[in-house]
C-alpha cells in the first residue's frame, strides 16, 4: 500500500470553521495533499532503501575480502621471492 492517509474534506472543513473561504480551503487542501504524496517516504520506500543498503553492504564486504586476499598474496610473494 503506497497511500498517504490524508482526509482532504476534513482538512477543508477545519479551515472553513477557522474562517478560510471555500476556494482557499480547497486550494490549501490540494496543495498539502500533493506535497504529502510527492515528498513523504512510505513504508515501501523505506523497505526498498533498506534492501538497497543491505545489497551495497554485501557487495562492499565481498570487495574488501578480495582486496585483503590480494594484499595478503602480494605480501607473501614479496616475502618469499624478494
PDB file of N, CA and C in Angstrom:
ATOM      1  N   UNK A   1       0.848  -1.177   0.000  1.00  0.00           N
ATOM      2  CA  UNK A   1       0.000   0.000   0.000  1.00  0.00           C
ATOM      3  C   UNK A   1       0.892   1.238   0.000  1.00  0.00           C
ATOM      4  N   UNK A   2       0.758   2.039  -1.029  1.00  0.00           N
ATOM      5  CA  UNK A   2       1.607   3.207  -1.197  1.00  0.00           C
ATOM      6  C   UNK A   2       0.791   4.488  -1.029  1.00  0.00           C
ATOM      7  N   UNK A   3      -0.197   4.459  -0.140  1.00  0.00           N
ATOM      8  CA  UNK A   3      -1.091   5.593   0.027  1.00  0.00           C
ATOM      9  C   UNK A   3      -0.769   6.362   1.299  1.00  0.00           C
ATOM     10  N   UNK A   4      -0.867   7.666   1.199  1.00  0.00           N
ATOM     11  CA  UNK A   4      -0.753   8.541   2.360  1.00  0.00           C
ATOM     12  C   UNK A   4      -2.179   8.828   2.825  1.00  0.00           C
ATOM     13  N   UNK A   5      -2.448   8.600   4.097  1.00  0.00           N
ATOM     14  CA  UNK A   5      -3.790   8.849   4.618  1.00  0.00           C
ATOM     15  C   UNK A   5      -3.928  10.324   4.978  1.00  0.00           C
ATOM     16  N   UNK A   6      -4.654  11.039   4.149  1.00  0.00           N
ATOM     17  CA  UNK A   6      -4.901  12.461   4.374  1.00  0.00           C
ATOM     18  C   UNK A   6      -6.333  12.744   3.940  1.00  0.00           C
ATOM     19  N   UNK A   7      -7.160  13.168   4.854  1.00  0.00           N
ATOM     20  CA  UNK A   7      -8.560  13.443   4.574  1.00  0.00           C
ATOM     21  C   UNK A   7      -8.708  14.908   4.167  1.00  0.00           C
ATOM     22  N   UNK A   8      -8.769  15.113   2.858  1.00  0.00           N
ATOM     23  CA  UNK A   8      -8.854  16.490   2.354  1.00  0.00           C
ATOM     24  C   UNK A   8     -10.131  17.181   2.786  1.00  0.00           C
ATOM     25  N   UNK A   9     -11.247  16.439   2.810  1.00  0.00           N
ATOM     26  CA  UNK A   9     -12.517  17.059   3.183  1.00  0.00           C
ATOM     27  C   UNK A   9     -12.519  17.502   4.645  1.00  0.00           C
ATOM     28  N   UNK A  10     -11.985  16.674   5.524  1.00  0.00           N
ATOM     29  CA  UNK A  10     -11.913  17.054   6.941  1.00  0.00           C
ATOM     30  C   UNK A  10     -11.004  18.266   7.112  1.00  0.00           C
ATOM     31  N   UNK A  11      -9.910  18.289   6.367  1.00  0.00           N
ATOM     32  CA  UNK A  11      -8.990  19.428   6.425  1.00  0.00           C
ATOM     33  C   UNK A  11      -9.687  20.701   5.935  1.00  0.00           C
ATOM     34  N   UNK A  12     -10.435  20.585   4.826  1.00  0.00           N
ATOM     35  CA  UNK A  12     -11.150  21.736   4.283  1.00  0.00           C
ATOM     36  C   UNK A  12     -12.208  22.226   5.278  1.00  0.00           C
ATOM     37  N   UNK A  13     -12.925  21.291   5.910  1.00  0.00           N
ATOM     38  CA  UNK A  13     -13.945  21.679   6.892  1.00  0.00           C
ATOM     39  C   UNK A  13     -13.318  22.421   8.065  1.00  0.00           C
ATOM     40  N   UNK A  14     -12.175  21.942   8.503  1.00  0.00           N
ATOM     41  CA  UNK A  14     -11.497  22.598   9.634  1.00  0.00           C
ATOM     42  C   UNK A  14     -11.063  24.019   9.251  1.00  0.00           C
ATOM     43  N   UNK A  15     -10.546  24.167   8.022  1.00  0.00           N
ATOM     44  CA  UNK A  15     -10.155  25.502   7.563  1.00  0.00           C
ATOM     45  C   UNK A  15     -11.366  26.425   7.465  1.00  0.00           C
ATOM     46  N   UNK A  16     -12.490  25.894   6.963  1.00  0.00           N
ATOM     47  CA  UNK A  16     -13.702  26.709   6.846  1.00  0.00           C
ATOM     48  C   UNK A  16     -14.191  27.157   8.215  1.00  0.00           C
ATOM     49  N   UNK A  17     -14.126  26.250   9.207  1.00  0.00           N
ATOM     50  CA  UNK A  17     -14.539  26.623  10.562  1.00  0.00           C
ATOM     51  C   UNK A  17     -13.630  27.706  11.147  1.00  0.00           C
ATOM     52  N   UNK A  18     -12.393  27.765  10.658  1.00  0.00           N
ATOM     53  CA  UNK A  18     -11.456  28.786  11.142  1.00  0.00           C
ATOM     54  C   UNK A  18     -11.614  30.107  10.390  1.00  0.00           C
ATOM     55  N   UNK A  19     -12.529  30.142   9.413  1.00  0.00           N
ATOM     56  CA  UNK A  19     -12.800  31.392   8.718  1.00  0.00           C
ATOM     57  C   UNK A  19     -12.170  31.505   7.337  1.00  0.00           C
ATOM     58  N   UNK A  20     -11.578  30.450   6.835  1.00  0.00           N
ATOM     59  CA  UNK A  20     -10.980  30.460   5.490  1.00  0.00           C
ATOM     60  C   UNK A  20     -12.090  30.221   4.469  1.00  0.00           C
ATOM     61  N   UNK A  21     -12.042  30.912   3.352  1.00  0.00           N
ATOM     62  CA  UNK A  21     -13.066  30.751   2.332  1.00  0.00           C
ATOM     63  C   UNK A  21     -13.004  29.360   1.702  1.00  0.00           C
ATOM     64  N   UNK A  22     -14.109  28.981   1.080  1.00  0.00           N
ATOM     65  CA  UNK A  22     -14.202  27.661   0.449  1.00  0.00           C
ATOM     66  C   UNK A  22     -13.138  27.490  -0.637  1.00  0.00           C
ATOM     67  N   UNK A  23     -12.946  28.519  -1.437  1.00  0.00           N
ATOM     68  CA  UNK A  23     -11.966  28.469  -2.529  1.00  0.00           C
ATOM     69  C   UNK A  23     -10.542  28.317  -1.982  1.00  0.00           C
ATOM     70  N   UNK A  24     -10.217  29.070  -0.967  1.00  0.00           N
ATOM     71  CA  UNK A  24      -8.880  28.984  -0.384  1.00  0.00           C
ATOM     72  C   UNK A  24      -8.659  27.655   0.331  1.00  0.00           C
ATOM     73  N   UNK A  25      -9.675  27.189   1.060  1.00  0.00           N
ATOM     74  CA  UNK A  25      -9.513  25.924   1.771  1.00  0.00           C
ATOM     75  C   UNK A  25      -9.307  24.770   0.794  1.00  0.00           C
ATOM     76  N   UNK A  26     -10.001  24.819  -0.347  1.00  0.00           N
ATOM     77  CA  UNK A  26      -9.820  23.777  -1.370  1.00  0.00           C
ATOM     78  C   UNK A  26      -8.397  23.831  -1.938  1.00  0.00           C
ATOM     79  N   UNK A  27      -7.904  25.023  -2.191  1.00  0.00           N
ATOM     80  CA  UNK A  27      -6.549  25.177  -2.730  1.00  0.00           C
ATOM     81  C   UNK A  27      -5.505  24.709  -1.716  1.00  0.00           C
ATOM     82  N   UNK A  28      -5.695  25.052  -0.440  1.00  0.00           N
ATOM     83  CA  UNK A  28      -4.751  24.608   0.590  1.00  0.00           C
ATOM     84  C   UNK A  28      -4.744  23.087   0.704  1.00  0.00           C
ATOM     85  N   UNK A  29      -5.928  22.493   0.697  1.00  0.00           N
ATOM     86  CA  UNK A  29      -6.040  21.035   0.827  1.00  0.00           C
ATOM     87  C   UNK A  29      -5.378  20.328  -0.353  1.00  0.00           C
ATOM     88  N   UNK A  30      -5.609  20.823  -1.561  1.00  0.00           N
ATOM     89  CA  UNK A  30      -4.995  20.208  -2.734  1.00  0.00           C
ATOM     90  C   UNK A  30      -3.480  20.355  -2.711  1.00  0.00           C
ATOM     91  N   UNK A  31      -2.995  21.517  -2.309  1.00  0.00           N
ATOM     92  CA  UNK A  31      -1.550  21.740  -2.246  1.00  0.00           C
ATOM     93  C   UNK A  31      -0.900  20.836  -1.202  1.00  0.00           C
ATOM     94  N   UNK A  32      -1.520  20.713  -0.040  1.00  0.00           N
ATOM     95  CA  UNK A  32      -0.965  19.861   1.007  1.00  0.00           C
ATOM     96  C   UNK A  32      -1.010  18.394   0.597  1.00  0.00           C
ATOM     97  N   UNK A  33      -2.097  17.975  -0.016  1.00  0.00           N
ATOM     98  CA  UNK A  33      -2.214  16.592  -0.479  1.00  0.00           C
ATOM     99  C   UNK A  33      -1.129  16.266  -1.503  1.00  0.00           C
ATOM    100  N   UNK A  34      -0.909  17.163  -2.434  1.00  0.00           N
ATOM    101  CA  UNK A  34       0.129  16.961  -3.450  1.00  0.00           C
ATOM    102  C   UNK A  34       1.523  16.924  -2.820  1.00  0.00           C
ATOM    103  N   UNK A  35       1.780  17.820  -1.891  1.00  0.00           N
ATOM    104  CA  UNK A  35       3.089  17.858  -1.227  1.00  0.00           C
ATOM    105  C   UNK A  35       3.345  16.578  -0.441  1.00  0.00           C
ATOM    106  N   UNK A  36       2.331  16.087   0.246  1.00  0.00           N
ATOM    107  CA  UNK A  36       2.495  14.849   1.013  1.00  0.00           C
ATOM    108  C   UNK A  36       2.773  13.659   0.099  1.00  0.00           C
ATOM    109  N   UNK A  37       2.086  13.597  -0.997  1.00  0.00           N
ATOM    110  CA  UNK A  37       2.267  12.454  -1.911  1.00  0.00           C
ATOM    111  C   UNK A  37       3.636  12.476  -2.591  1.00  0.00           C
ATOM    112  N   UNK A  38       4.206  13.651  -2.802  1.00  0.00           N
ATOM    113  CA  UNK A  38       5.476  13.752  -3.510  1.00  0.00           C
ATOM    114  C   UNK A  38       6.692  13.672  -2.602  1.00  0.00           C
ATOM    115  N   UNK A  39       6.555  14.090  -1.345  1.00  0.00           N
ATOM    116  CA  UNK A  39       7.767  14.237  -0.548  1.00  0.00           C
ATOM    117  C   UNK A  39       7.844  13.373   0.698  1.00  0.00           C
ATOM    118  N   UNK A  40       6.815  12.628   1.016  1.00  0.00           N
ATOM    119  CA  UNK A  40       6.832  11.803   2.222  1.00  0.00           C
ATOM    120  C   UNK A  40       7.181  10.362   1.844  1.00  0.00           C
ATOM    121  N   UNK A  41       8.171   9.803   2.540  1.00  0.00           N
ATOM    122  CA  UNK A  41       8.558   8.418   2.290  1.00  0.00           C
ATOM    123  C   UNK A  41       7.530   7.486   2.917  1.00  0.00           C
ATOM    124  N   UNK A  42       7.157   6.470   2.167  1.00  0.00           N
ATOM    125  CA  UNK A  42       6.222   5.476   2.673  1.00  0.00           C
ATOM    126  C   UNK A  42       6.996   4.279   3.217  1.00  0.00           C
ATOM    127  N   UNK A  43       6.288   3.357   3.823  1.00  0.00           N
ATOM    128  CA  UNK A  43       6.928   2.142   4.339  1.00  0.00           C
ATOM    129  C   UNK A  43       7.583   1.372   3.195  1.00  0.00           C
ATOM    130  N   UNK A  44       6.951   1.369   2.045  1.00  0.00           N
ATOM    131  CA  UNK A  44       7.513   0.668   0.879  1.00  0.00           C
ATOM    132  C   UNK A  44       8.821   1.327   0.435  1.00  0.00           C
ATOM    133  N   UNK A  45       8.870   2.665   0.463  1.00  0.00           N
ATOM    134  CA  UNK A  45      10.100   3.381   0.110  1.00  0.00           C
ATOM    135  C   UNK A  45      11.233   3.034   1.068  1.00  0.00           C
ATOM    136  N   UNK A  46      10.915   3.007   2.364  1.00  0.00           N
ATOM    137  CA  UNK A  46      11.926   2.697   3.371  1.00  0.00           C
ATOM    138  C   UNK A  46      12.408   1.256   3.216  1.00  0.00           C
ATOM    139  N   UNK A  47      11.495   0.332   2.944  1.00  0.00           N
ATOM    140  CA  UNK A  47      11.874  -1.072   2.760  1.00  0.00           C
ATOM    141  C   UNK A  47      12.777  -1.236   1.539  1.00  0.00           C
ATOM    142  N   UNK A  48      12.462  -0.538   0.457  1.00  0.00           N
ATOM    143  CA  UNK A  48      13.302  -0.616  -0.743  1.00  0.00           C
ATOM    144  C   UNK A  48      14.687  -0.047  -0.475  1.00  0.00           C
ATOM    145  N   UNK A  49      14.758   1.050   0.243  1.00  0.00           N
ATOM    146  CA  UNK A  49      16.047   1.643   0.586  1.00  0.00           C
ATOM    147  C   UNK A  49      16.851   0.711   1.484  1.00  0.00           C
ATOM    148  N   UNK A  50      16.179   0.087   2.439  1.00  0.00           N
ATOM    149  CA  UNK A  50      16.853  -0.850   3.337  1.00  0.00           C
ATOM    150  C   UNK A  50      17.423  -2.034   2.537  1.00  0.00           C
ATOM    151  N   UNK A  51      16.678  -2.532   1.561  1.00  0.00           N
ATOM    152  CA  UNK A  51      17.158  -3.631   0.729  1.00  0.00           C
ATOM    153  C   UNK A  51      18.375  -3.190  -0.091  1.00  0.00           C
ATOM    154  N   UNK A  52      18.327  -1.978  -0.619  1.00  0.00           N
ATOM    155  CA  UNK A  52      19.467  -1.459  -1.389  1.00  0.00           C
ATOM    156  C   UNK A  52      20.711  -1.321  -0.516  1.00  0.00           C
ATOM    157  N   UNK A  53      20.525  -0.855   0.706  1.00  0.00           N
ATOM    158  CA  UNK A  53      21.666  -0.696   1.612  1.00  0.00           C
ATOM    159  C   UNK A  53      22.246  -2.057   1.978  1.00  0.00           C
ATOM    160  N   UNK A  54      21.382  -3.031   2.226  1.00  0.00           N
ATOM    161  CA  UNK A  54      21.848  -4.386   2.545  1.00  0.00           C
ATOM    162  C   UNK A  54      22.665  -4.950   1.386  1.00  0.00           C
ATOM    163  N   UNK A  55      22.204  -4.747   0.175  1.00  0.00           N
ATOM    164  CA  UNK A  55      22.926  -5.218  -1.002  1.00  0.00           C
ATOM    165  C   UNK A  55      24.274  -4.512  -1.142  1.00  0.00           C
ATOM    166  N   UNK A  56      24.302  -3.217  -0.908  1.00  0.00           N
ATOM    167  CA  UNK A  56      25.555  -2.460  -1.005  1.00  0.00           C
ATOM    168  C   UNK A  56      26.554  -2.909   0.059  1.00  0.00           C
ATOM    169  N   UNK A  57      26.085  -3.180   1.268  1.00  0.00           N
ATOM    170  CA  UNK A  57      26.971  -3.655   2.332  1.00  0.00           C
ATOM    171  C   UNK A  57      27.542  -5.023   1.958  1.00  0.00           C
ATOM    172  N   UNK A  58      26.723  -5.893   1.413  1.00  0.00           N
ATOM    173  CA  UNK A  58      27.200  -7.214   0.992  1.00  0.00           C
ATOM    174  C   UNK A  58      28.271  -7.095  -0.094  1.00  0.00           C
ATOM    175  N   UNK A  59      28.012  -6.240  -1.065  1.00  0.00           N
ATOM    176  CA  UNK A  59      28.984  -6.046  -2.144  1.00  0.00           C
ATOM    177  C   UNK A  59      30.301  -5.475  -1.621  1.00  0.00           C
ATOM    178  N   UNK A  60      30.221  -4.518  -0.718  1.00  0.00           N
ATOM    179  CA  UNK A  60      31.442  -3.934  -0.158  1.00  0.00           C
ATOM    180  C   UNK A  60      32.209  -4.955   0.670  1.00  0.00           C
ATOM    181  N   UNK A  61      31.504  -5.817   1.391  1.00  0.00           N
ATOM    182  CA  UNK A  61      32.163  -6.862   2.170  1.00  0.00           C
ATOM    183  C   UNK A  61      32.923  -7.811   1.255  1.00  0.00           C
ATOM    184  N   UNK A  62      32.309  -8.185   0.152  1.00  0.00           N
ATOM    185  CA  UNK A  62      32.968  -9.071  -0.814  1.00  0.00           C
ATOM    186  C   UNK A  62      34.197  -8.383  -1.404  1.00  0.00           C
ATOM    187  N   UNK A  63      34.058  -7.135  -1.777  1.00  0.00           N
ATOM    188  CA  UNK A  63      35.190  -6.406  -2.354  1.00  0.00           C
ATOM    189  C   UNK A  63      36.334  -6.239  -1.356  1.00  0.00           C
ATOM    190  N   UNK A  64      36.012  -5.916  -0.124  1.00  0.00           N
ATOM    191  CA  UNK A  64      37.061  -5.763   0.888  1.00  0.00           C
ATOM    192  C   UNK A  64      37.750  -7.096   1.169  1.00  0.00           C
ATOM    193  N   UNK A  65      36.992  -8.180   1.144  1.00  0.00           N
ATOM    194  CA  UNK A  65      37.592  -9.507   1.312  1.00  0.00           C
ATOM    195  C   UNK A  65      38.544  -9.819   0.173  1.00  0.00           C
ATOM    196  N   UNK A  66      38.142  -9.492  -1.051  1.00  0.00           N
ATOM    197  CA  UNK A  66      39.002  -9.729  -2.214  1.00  0.00           C
ATOM    198  C   UNK A  66      40.268  -8.881  -2.124  1.00  0.00           C
ATOM    199  N   UNK A  67      40.142  -7.657  -1.673  1.00  0.00           N
ATOM    200  CA  UNK A  67      41.324  -6.794  -1.516  1.00  0.00           C
ATOM    201  C   UNK A  67      42.253  -7.361  -0.448  1.00  0.00           C
ATOM    202  N   UNK A  68      41.685  -7.847   0.651  1.00  0.00           N
ATOM    203  CA  UNK A  68      42.505  -8.425   1.721  1.00  0.00           C
ATOM    204  C   UNK A  68      43.254  -9.653   1.220  1.00  0.00           C
ATOM    205  N   UNK A  69      42.599 -10.509   0.455  1.00  0.00           N
ATOM    206  CA  UNK A  69      43.254 -11.710  -0.098  1.00  0.00           C
ATOM    207  C   UNK A  69      44.361 -11.299  -1.060  1.00  0.00           C
ATOM    208  N   UNK A  70      44.082 -10.330  -1.927  1.00  0.00           N
ATOM    209  CA  UNK A  70      45.093  -9.889  -2.892  1.00  0.00           C
ATOM    210  C   UNK A  70      46.286  -9.259  -2.165  1.00  0.00           C
ATOM    211  N   UNK A  71      46.050  -8.482  -1.146  1.00  0.00           N
ATOM    212  CA  UNK A  71      47.124  -7.870  -0.374  1.00  0.00           C
ATOM    213  C   UNK A  71      47.955  -8.930   0.340  1.00  0.00           C
ATOM    214  N   UNK A  72      47.288  -9.908   0.933  1.00  0.00           N
ATOM    215  CA  UNK A  72      47.996 -10.990   1.602  1.00  0.00           C
ATOM    216  C   UNK A  72      48.859 -11.763   0.601  1.00  0.00           C
ATOM    217  N   UNK A  73      48.313 -12.029  -0.585  1.00  0.00           N
ATOM    218  CA  UNK A  73      49.070 -12.748  -1.614  1.00  0.00           C
ATOM    219  C   UNK A  73      50.277 -11.926  -2.068  1.00  0.00           C
ATOM    220  N   UNK A  74      50.098 -10.627  -2.231  1.00  0.00           N
ATOM    221  CA  UNK A  74      51.208  -9.769  -2.656  1.00  0.00           C
ATOM    222  C   UNK A  74      52.300  -9.725  -1.595  1.00  0.00           C
ATOM    223  N   UNK A  75      51.912  -9.588  -0.330  1.00  0.00           N
ATOM    224  CA  UNK A  75      52.908  -9.561   0.741  1.00  0.00           C
ATOM    225  C   UNK A  75      53.634 -10.896   0.877  1.00  0.00           C
ATOM    226  N   UNK A  76      52.898 -11.973   0.702  1.00  0.00           N
ATOM    227  CA  UNK A  76      53.524 -13.308   0.744  1.00  0.00           C
ATOM    228  C   UNK A  76      54.505 -13.465  -0.406  1.00  0.00           C
ATOM    229  N   UNK A  77      54.136 -13.019  -1.578  1.00  0.00           N
ATOM    230  CA  UNK A  77      55.026 -13.114  -2.740  1.00  0.00           C
ATOM    231  C   UNK A  77      56.285 -12.280  -2.520  1.00  0.00           C
ATOM    232  N   UNK A  78      56.132 -11.094  -1.953  1.00  0.00           N
ATOM    233  CA  UNK A  78      57.291 -10.242  -1.690  1.00  0.00           C
ATOM    234  C   UNK A  78      58.228 -10.916  -0.681  1.00  0.00           C
ATOM    235  N   UNK A  79      57.653 -11.513   0.356  1.00  0.00           N
ATOM    236  CA  UNK A  79      58.472 -12.142   1.408  1.00  0.00           C
ATOM    237  C   UNK A  79      59.247 -13.324   0.868  1.00  0.00           C
ATOM    238  N   UNK A  80      58.633 -14.179   0.052  1.00  0.00           N
ATOM    239  CA  UNK A  80      59.301 -15.393  -0.397  1.00  0.00           C
ATOM    240  C   UNK A  80      60.136 -15.222  -1.655  1.00  0.00           C
ATOM    241  N   UNK A  81      59.808 -14.252  -2.494  1.00  0.00           N
ATOM    242  CA  UNK A  81      60.524 -14.130  -3.752  1.00  0.00           C
ATOM    243  C   UNK A  81      61.477 -12.921  -3.809  1.00  0.00           C
ATOM    244  N   UNK A  82      61.512 -12.138  -2.774  1.00  0.00           N
ATOM    245  CA  UNK A  82      62.402 -10.970  -2.796  1.00  0.00           C
ATOM    246  C   UNK A  82      63.670 -11.210  -2.016  1.00  0.00           C
TER     247      UNK A  82
END
